[in-house]
Protein backbone atom coordinates (compact mmCIF):
# COMPACT_ATOMS: atom_id res chain seq x y z
CA UNK A 1 0.00 0.00 0.00
CA UNK A 2 1.36 3.37 -0.99
CA UNK A 3 2.26 5.79 1.73
CA UNK A 4 2.09 9.56 1.73
CA UNK A 5 4.73 12.19 2.41
CA UNK A 6 5.45 15.89 2.53
CA UNK A 7 8.78 16.85 0.98
CA UNK A 8 9.94 20.31 2.01
CA UNK A 9 12.08 22.46 -0.23
CA UNK A 10 13.25 26.06 -0.38
CA UNK A 11 11.75 27.35 -3.66
CA UNK A 12 14.72 29.61 -4.36
CA UNK A 13 16.97 26.51 -4.34
CA UNK A 14 14.70 23.96 -6.04
CA UNK A 15 11.00 24.63 -6.25
CA UNK A 16 8.03 22.74 -7.59
CA UNK A 17 8.31 24.56 -10.94
CA UNK A 18 11.87 23.19 -11.24
CA UNK A 19 10.56 19.66 -10.63
CA UNK A 20 7.84 20.17 -13.26
CA UNK A 21 10.47 21.41 -15.72
CA UNK A 22 12.82 18.49 -15.00
CA UNK A 23 9.95 15.97 -14.70
CA UNK A 24 12.15 13.81 -12.44
CA UNK A 25 14.92 14.56 -9.99
CA UNK A 26 17.00 13.02 -7.26
CA UNK A 27 15.73 14.17 -3.85
CA UNK A 28 18.97 14.79 -2.02
CA UNK A 29 20.48 16.93 0.69
CA UNK A 30 18.59 15.29 3.56
CA UNK A 31 20.90 14.80 6.54
CA UNK A 32 18.64 14.90 9.62
CA UNK A 33 18.52 11.41 11.19
CA UNK A 34 14.71 11.34 11.51
CA UNK A 35 14.18 12.67 7.97
CA UNK A 36 16.66 10.06 6.67
CA UNK A 37 14.70 7.33 8.49
CA UNK A 38 11.56 8.49 6.68
CA UNK A 39 13.42 8.64 3.36
CA UNK A 40 14.67 5.07 3.88
CA UNK A 41 11.10 3.85 4.41
CA UNK A 42 9.76 5.28 1.15
CA UNK A 43 8.55 2.94 -1.57
CA UNK A 44 8.43 3.49 -5.30
CA UNK A 45 4.90 4.69 -6.07
CA UNK A 46 4.34 6.54 -2.78
CA UNK A 47 2.63 9.93 -3.16
CA UNK A 48 4.02 13.21 -1.87
CA UNK A 49 3.13 16.84 -1.50
CA UNK A 50 5.84 19.34 -2.35
CA UNK A 51 5.92 22.02 0.33
CA UNK A 52 7.67 25.36 -0.19
CA UNK A 53 9.46 26.71 2.85
CA UNK A 54 10.73 30.28 3.24
CA UNK A 55 8.21 33.04 2.63
CA UNK A 56 5.62 30.75 1.02
CA UNK A 57 5.11 28.07 3.71
CA UNK A 58 2.51 26.21 1.61
CA UNK A 59 1.77 22.90 -0.04
CA UNK A 60 2.32 23.65 -3.73
CA UNK A 61 2.05 20.47 -5.80
CA UNK A 62 1.93 16.71 -6.00
CA UNK A 63 4.75 14.30 -6.75
CA UNK A 64 5.40 10.57 -6.80
CA UNK A 65 8.33 8.67 -5.35
CA UNK A 66 9.91 7.13 -8.45
CA UNK A 67 12.55 4.85 -6.93
CA UNK A 68 13.40 2.92 -3.84
CA UNK A 69 15.92 4.70 -1.59
CA UNK A 70 19.54 4.27 -2.66
CA UNK A 71 22.92 5.49 -1.39
CA UNK A 72 23.65 9.14 -2.14
CA UNK A 73 25.81 9.01 -5.29
CA UNK A 74 27.88 11.96 -4.08
CA UNK A 75 29.60 9.50 -1.76
CA UNK A 76 30.28 12.27 0.78
CA UNK A 77 28.62 10.40 3.64
CA UNK A 78 27.77 6.69 3.51
CA UNK A 79 24.78 7.24 5.85
CA UNK A 80 22.96 9.45 3.33
CA UNK A 81 20.28 8.10 1.01
CA UNK A 82 18.25 9.66 -1.80
CA UNK A 83 15.13 8.82 -3.79
CA UNK A 84 14.03 9.83 -7.25
CA UNK A 85 10.90 11.98 -7.41
CA UNK A 86 8.60 12.60 -10.38
CA UNK A 87 6.50 15.72 -10.78
CA UNK A 88 2.75 15.53 -10.49
CA UNK A 89 0.28 18.34 -10.93
CA UNK A 90 0.30 21.69 -9.16
CA UNK A 91 -2.40 21.92 -6.53
CA UNK A 92 -5.51 23.81 -7.71
CA UNK A 93 -5.24 25.75 -4.46
CA UNK A 94 -2.12 26.09 -2.33
CA UNK A 95 -2.60 25.17 1.32
CA UNK A 96 -0.73 27.38 3.77
CA UNK A 97 0.92 26.23 6.97
CA UNK A 98 -1.37 28.62 8.87
CA UNK A 99 -4.43 26.82 7.45
CA UNK A 100 -2.96 23.43 8.36
CA UNK A 101 -2.14 24.57 11.90
CA UNK A 102 -5.69 25.89 12.31
CA UNK A 103 -7.16 22.40 11.77
CA UNK A 104 -7.19 20.19 14.90
CA UNK A 105 -6.95 17.09 12.67
CA UNK A 106 -3.33 18.04 11.90
CA UNK A 107 -2.08 18.54 15.47
CA UNK A 108 0.03 15.35 15.17
CA UNK A 109 1.28 16.02 11.63
CA UNK A 110 5.07 16.35 11.55
CA UNK A 111 4.76 19.56 9.53
CA UNK A 112 3.08 21.10 12.58
CA UNK A 113 4.93 19.30 15.40
CA UNK A 114 8.45 19.13 13.95
CA UNK A 115 8.72 22.20 11.77
CA UNK A 116 12.40 21.69 10.90
CA UNK A 117 11.89 18.17 9.51
CA UNK A 118 12.31 18.06 5.71
CA UNK A 119 10.59 14.69 5.10
CA UNK A 120 7.27 14.20 6.87
CA UNK A 121 4.98 11.15 6.77
CA UNK A 122 1.26 11.84 6.33
CA UNK A 123 -1.48 9.54 7.63
CA UNK A 124 -4.09 8.47 5.03
CA UNK A 125 -6.92 10.45 6.64
CA UNK A 126 -4.72 13.55 6.84
CA UNK A 127 -3.69 13.06 3.19
CA UNK A 128 -7.33 12.94 2.11
CA UNK A 129 -8.15 16.03 4.15
CA UNK A 130 -5.16 17.97 2.71
CA UNK A 131 -6.19 17.01 -0.84
CA UNK A 132 -9.69 18.29 -0.15
CA UNK A 133 -8.32 21.57 1.25
CA UNK A 134 -6.24 21.92 -1.93
CA UNK A 135 -9.26 21.41 -4.18
CA UNK A 136 -8.18 18.01 -5.50
C-alpha atoms as a PDB file:
ATOM      1  CA  UNK A   1       0.000   0.000   0.000  1.00  0.00           C
ATOM      2  CA  UNK A   2       1.359   3.367  -0.993  1.00  0.00           C
ATOM      3  CA  UNK A   3       2.258   5.788   1.730  1.00  0.00           C
ATOM      4  CA  UNK A   4       2.086   9.564   1.734  1.00  0.00           C
ATOM      5  CA  UNK A   5       4.733  12.187   2.411  1.00  0.00           C
ATOM      6  CA  UNK A   6       5.447  15.891   2.532  1.00  0.00           C
ATOM      7  CA  UNK A   7       8.783  16.855   0.979  1.00  0.00           C
ATOM      8  CA  UNK A   8       9.935  20.309   2.012  1.00  0.00           C
ATOM      9  CA  UNK A   9      12.079  22.462  -0.225  1.00  0.00           C
ATOM     10  CA  UNK A  10      13.255  26.064  -0.384  1.00  0.00           C
ATOM     11  CA  UNK A  11      11.750  27.347  -3.656  1.00  0.00           C
ATOM     12  CA  UNK A  12      14.723  29.614  -4.363  1.00  0.00           C
ATOM     13  CA  UNK A  13      16.966  26.508  -4.339  1.00  0.00           C
ATOM     14  CA  UNK A  14      14.701  23.960  -6.041  1.00  0.00           C
ATOM     15  CA  UNK A  15      11.001  24.633  -6.251  1.00  0.00           C
ATOM     16  CA  UNK A  16       8.026  22.742  -7.593  1.00  0.00           C
ATOM     17  CA  UNK A  17       8.315  24.556 -10.937  1.00  0.00           C
ATOM     18  CA  UNK A  18      11.869  23.186 -11.238  1.00  0.00           C
ATOM     19  CA  UNK A  19      10.563  19.664 -10.632  1.00  0.00           C
ATOM     20  CA  UNK A  20       7.843  20.168 -13.256  1.00  0.00           C
ATOM     21  CA  UNK A  21      10.473  21.413 -15.720  1.00  0.00           C
ATOM     22  CA  UNK A  22      12.821  18.494 -14.999  1.00  0.00           C
ATOM     23  CA  UNK A  23       9.949  15.966 -14.698  1.00  0.00           C
ATOM     24  CA  UNK A  24      12.146  13.814 -12.441  1.00  0.00           C
ATOM     25  CA  UNK A  25      14.915  14.562  -9.991  1.00  0.00           C
ATOM     26  CA  UNK A  26      17.002  13.025  -7.264  1.00  0.00           C
ATOM     27  CA  UNK A  27      15.726  14.168  -3.849  1.00  0.00           C
ATOM     28  CA  UNK A  28      18.973  14.787  -2.017  1.00  0.00           C
ATOM     29  CA  UNK A  29      20.481  16.929   0.692  1.00  0.00           C
ATOM     30  CA  UNK A  30      18.587  15.286   3.558  1.00  0.00           C
ATOM     31  CA  UNK A  31      20.898  14.799   6.542  1.00  0.00           C
ATOM     32  CA  UNK A  32      18.642  14.904   9.623  1.00  0.00           C
ATOM     33  CA  UNK A  33      18.519  11.413  11.185  1.00  0.00           C
ATOM     34  CA  UNK A  34      14.712  11.339  11.508  1.00  0.00           C
ATOM     35  CA  UNK A  35      14.183  12.667   7.971  1.00  0.00           C
ATOM     36  CA  UNK A  36      16.659  10.056   6.666  1.00  0.00           C
ATOM     37  CA  UNK A  37      14.704   7.335   8.490  1.00  0.00           C
ATOM     38  CA  UNK A  38      11.556   8.491   6.677  1.00  0.00           C
ATOM     39  CA  UNK A  39      13.419   8.636   3.358  1.00  0.00           C
ATOM     40  CA  UNK A  40      14.671   5.068   3.875  1.00  0.00           C
ATOM     41  CA  UNK A  41      11.098   3.848   4.411  1.00  0.00           C
ATOM     42  CA  UNK A  42       9.755   5.282   1.146  1.00  0.00           C
ATOM     43  CA  UNK A  43       8.549   2.945  -1.567  1.00  0.00           C
ATOM     44  CA  UNK A  44       8.430   3.489  -5.296  1.00  0.00           C
ATOM     45  CA  UNK A  45       4.897   4.689  -6.071  1.00  0.00           C
ATOM     46  CA  UNK A  46       4.335   6.538  -2.782  1.00  0.00           C
ATOM     47  CA  UNK A  47       2.631   9.927  -3.158  1.00  0.00           C
ATOM     48  CA  UNK A  48       4.022  13.208  -1.874  1.00  0.00           C
ATOM     49  CA  UNK A  49       3.132  16.838  -1.501  1.00  0.00           C
ATOM     50  CA  UNK A  50       5.841  19.340  -2.348  1.00  0.00           C
ATOM     51  CA  UNK A  51       5.921  22.019   0.331  1.00  0.00           C
ATOM     52  CA  UNK A  52       7.666  25.355  -0.188  1.00  0.00           C
ATOM     53  CA  UNK A  53       9.464  26.712   2.852  1.00  0.00           C
ATOM     54  CA  UNK A  54      10.726  30.279   3.239  1.00  0.00           C
ATOM     55  CA  UNK A  55       8.215  33.044   2.633  1.00  0.00           C
ATOM     56  CA  UNK A  56       5.624  30.752   1.019  1.00  0.00           C
ATOM     57  CA  UNK A  57       5.106  28.071   3.708  1.00  0.00           C
ATOM     58  CA  UNK A  58       2.514  26.213   1.609  1.00  0.00           C
ATOM     59  CA  UNK A  59       1.774  22.904  -0.036  1.00  0.00           C
ATOM     60  CA  UNK A  60       2.324  23.648  -3.733  1.00  0.00           C
ATOM     61  CA  UNK A  61       2.048  20.474  -5.796  1.00  0.00           C
ATOM     62  CA  UNK A  62       1.932  16.708  -5.999  1.00  0.00           C
ATOM     63  CA  UNK A  63       4.749  14.295  -6.749  1.00  0.00           C
ATOM     64  CA  UNK A  64       5.399  10.569  -6.796  1.00  0.00           C
ATOM     65  CA  UNK A  65       8.331   8.665  -5.349  1.00  0.00           C
ATOM     66  CA  UNK A  66       9.915   7.131  -8.455  1.00  0.00           C
ATOM     67  CA  UNK A  67      12.550   4.852  -6.930  1.00  0.00           C
ATOM     68  CA  UNK A  68      13.403   2.915  -3.843  1.00  0.00           C
ATOM     69  CA  UNK A  69      15.924   4.696  -1.588  1.00  0.00           C
ATOM     70  CA  UNK A  70      19.542   4.271  -2.655  1.00  0.00           C
ATOM     71  CA  UNK A  71      22.916   5.488  -1.390  1.00  0.00           C
ATOM     72  CA  UNK A  72      23.654   9.143  -2.140  1.00  0.00           C
ATOM     73  CA  UNK A  73      25.810   9.006  -5.286  1.00  0.00           C
ATOM     74  CA  UNK A  74      27.877  11.962  -4.081  1.00  0.00           C
ATOM     75  CA  UNK A  75      29.605   9.504  -1.759  1.00  0.00           C
ATOM     76  CA  UNK A  76      30.277  12.275   0.776  1.00  0.00           C
ATOM     77  CA  UNK A  77      28.621  10.403   3.637  1.00  0.00           C
ATOM     78  CA  UNK A  78      27.770   6.689   3.513  1.00  0.00           C
ATOM     79  CA  UNK A  79      24.780   7.236   5.847  1.00  0.00           C
ATOM     80  CA  UNK A  80      22.961   9.445   3.328  1.00  0.00           C
ATOM     81  CA  UNK A  81      20.284   8.102   1.008  1.00  0.00           C
ATOM     82  CA  UNK A  82      18.252   9.661  -1.796  1.00  0.00           C
ATOM     83  CA  UNK A  83      15.130   8.823  -3.791  1.00  0.00           C
ATOM     84  CA  UNK A  84      14.028   9.829  -7.254  1.00  0.00           C
ATOM     85  CA  UNK A  85      10.896  11.979  -7.412  1.00  0.00           C
ATOM     86  CA  UNK A  86       8.602  12.601 -10.384  1.00  0.00           C
ATOM     87  CA  UNK A  87       6.496  15.719 -10.778  1.00  0.00           C
ATOM     88  CA  UNK A  88       2.750  15.529 -10.491  1.00  0.00           C
ATOM     89  CA  UNK A  89       0.282  18.342 -10.932  1.00  0.00           C
ATOM     90  CA  UNK A  90       0.299  21.687  -9.161  1.00  0.00           C
ATOM     91  CA  UNK A  91      -2.404  21.917  -6.534  1.00  0.00           C
ATOM     92  CA  UNK A  92      -5.507  23.805  -7.705  1.00  0.00           C
ATOM     93  CA  UNK A  93      -5.242  25.749  -4.463  1.00  0.00           C
ATOM     94  CA  UNK A  94      -2.118  26.088  -2.328  1.00  0.00           C
ATOM     95  CA  UNK A  95      -2.599  25.170   1.321  1.00  0.00           C
ATOM     96  CA  UNK A  96      -0.726  27.381   3.770  1.00  0.00           C
ATOM     97  CA  UNK A  97       0.924  26.231   6.966  1.00  0.00           C
ATOM     98  CA  UNK A  98      -1.369  28.617   8.870  1.00  0.00           C
ATOM     99  CA  UNK A  99      -4.434  26.824   7.450  1.00  0.00           C
ATOM    100  CA  UNK A 100      -2.964  23.434   8.358  1.00  0.00           C
ATOM    101  CA  UNK A 101      -2.139  24.565  11.897  1.00  0.00           C
ATOM    102  CA  UNK A 102      -5.691  25.890  12.312  1.00  0.00           C
ATOM    103  CA  UNK A 103      -7.165  22.397  11.773  1.00  0.00           C
ATOM    104  CA  UNK A 104      -7.194  20.192  14.900  1.00  0.00           C
ATOM    105  CA  UNK A 105      -6.952  17.089  12.668  1.00  0.00           C
ATOM    106  CA  UNK A 106      -3.332  18.038  11.898  1.00  0.00           C
ATOM    107  CA  UNK A 107      -2.079  18.545  15.473  1.00  0.00           C
ATOM    108  CA  UNK A 108       0.032  15.349  15.169  1.00  0.00           C
ATOM    109  CA  UNK A 109       1.279  16.023  11.626  1.00  0.00           C
ATOM    110  CA  UNK A 110       5.071  16.351  11.545  1.00  0.00           C
ATOM    111  CA  UNK A 111       4.755  19.556   9.527  1.00  0.00           C
ATOM    112  CA  UNK A 112       3.085  21.100  12.576  1.00  0.00           C
ATOM    113  CA  UNK A 113       4.927  19.304  15.396  1.00  0.00           C
ATOM    114  CA  UNK A 114       8.453  19.126  13.946  1.00  0.00           C
ATOM    115  CA  UNK A 115       8.722  22.196  11.769  1.00  0.00           C
ATOM    116  CA  UNK A 116      12.404  21.686  10.905  1.00  0.00           C
ATOM    117  CA  UNK A 117      11.892  18.167   9.507  1.00  0.00           C
ATOM    118  CA  UNK A 118      12.310  18.060   5.713  1.00  0.00           C
ATOM    119  CA  UNK A 119      10.595  14.692   5.096  1.00  0.00           C
ATOM    120  CA  UNK A 120       7.273  14.196   6.870  1.00  0.00           C
ATOM    121  CA  UNK A 121       4.982  11.146   6.773  1.00  0.00           C
ATOM    122  CA  UNK A 122       1.262  11.844   6.328  1.00  0.00           C
ATOM    123  CA  UNK A 123      -1.475   9.537   7.627  1.00  0.00           C
ATOM    124  CA  UNK A 124      -4.088   8.472   5.032  1.00  0.00           C
ATOM    125  CA  UNK A 125      -6.920  10.455   6.641  1.00  0.00           C
ATOM    126  CA  UNK A 126      -4.717  13.554   6.836  1.00  0.00           C
ATOM    127  CA  UNK A 127      -3.689  13.057   3.186  1.00  0.00           C
ATOM    128  CA  UNK A 128      -7.333  12.942   2.112  1.00  0.00           C
ATOM    129  CA  UNK A 129      -8.151  16.031   4.147  1.00  0.00           C
ATOM    130  CA  UNK A 130      -5.162  17.969   2.709  1.00  0.00           C
ATOM    131  CA  UNK A 131      -6.186  17.010  -0.841  1.00  0.00           C
ATOM    132  CA  UNK A 132      -9.692  18.293  -0.153  1.00  0.00           C
ATOM    133  CA  UNK A 133      -8.319  21.567   1.247  1.00  0.00           C
ATOM    134  CA  UNK A 134      -6.237  21.920  -1.926  1.00  0.00           C
ATOM    135  CA  UNK A 135      -9.257  21.409  -4.176  1.00  0.00           C
ATOM    136  CA  UNK A 136      -8.179  18.008  -5.501  1.00  0.00           C
END
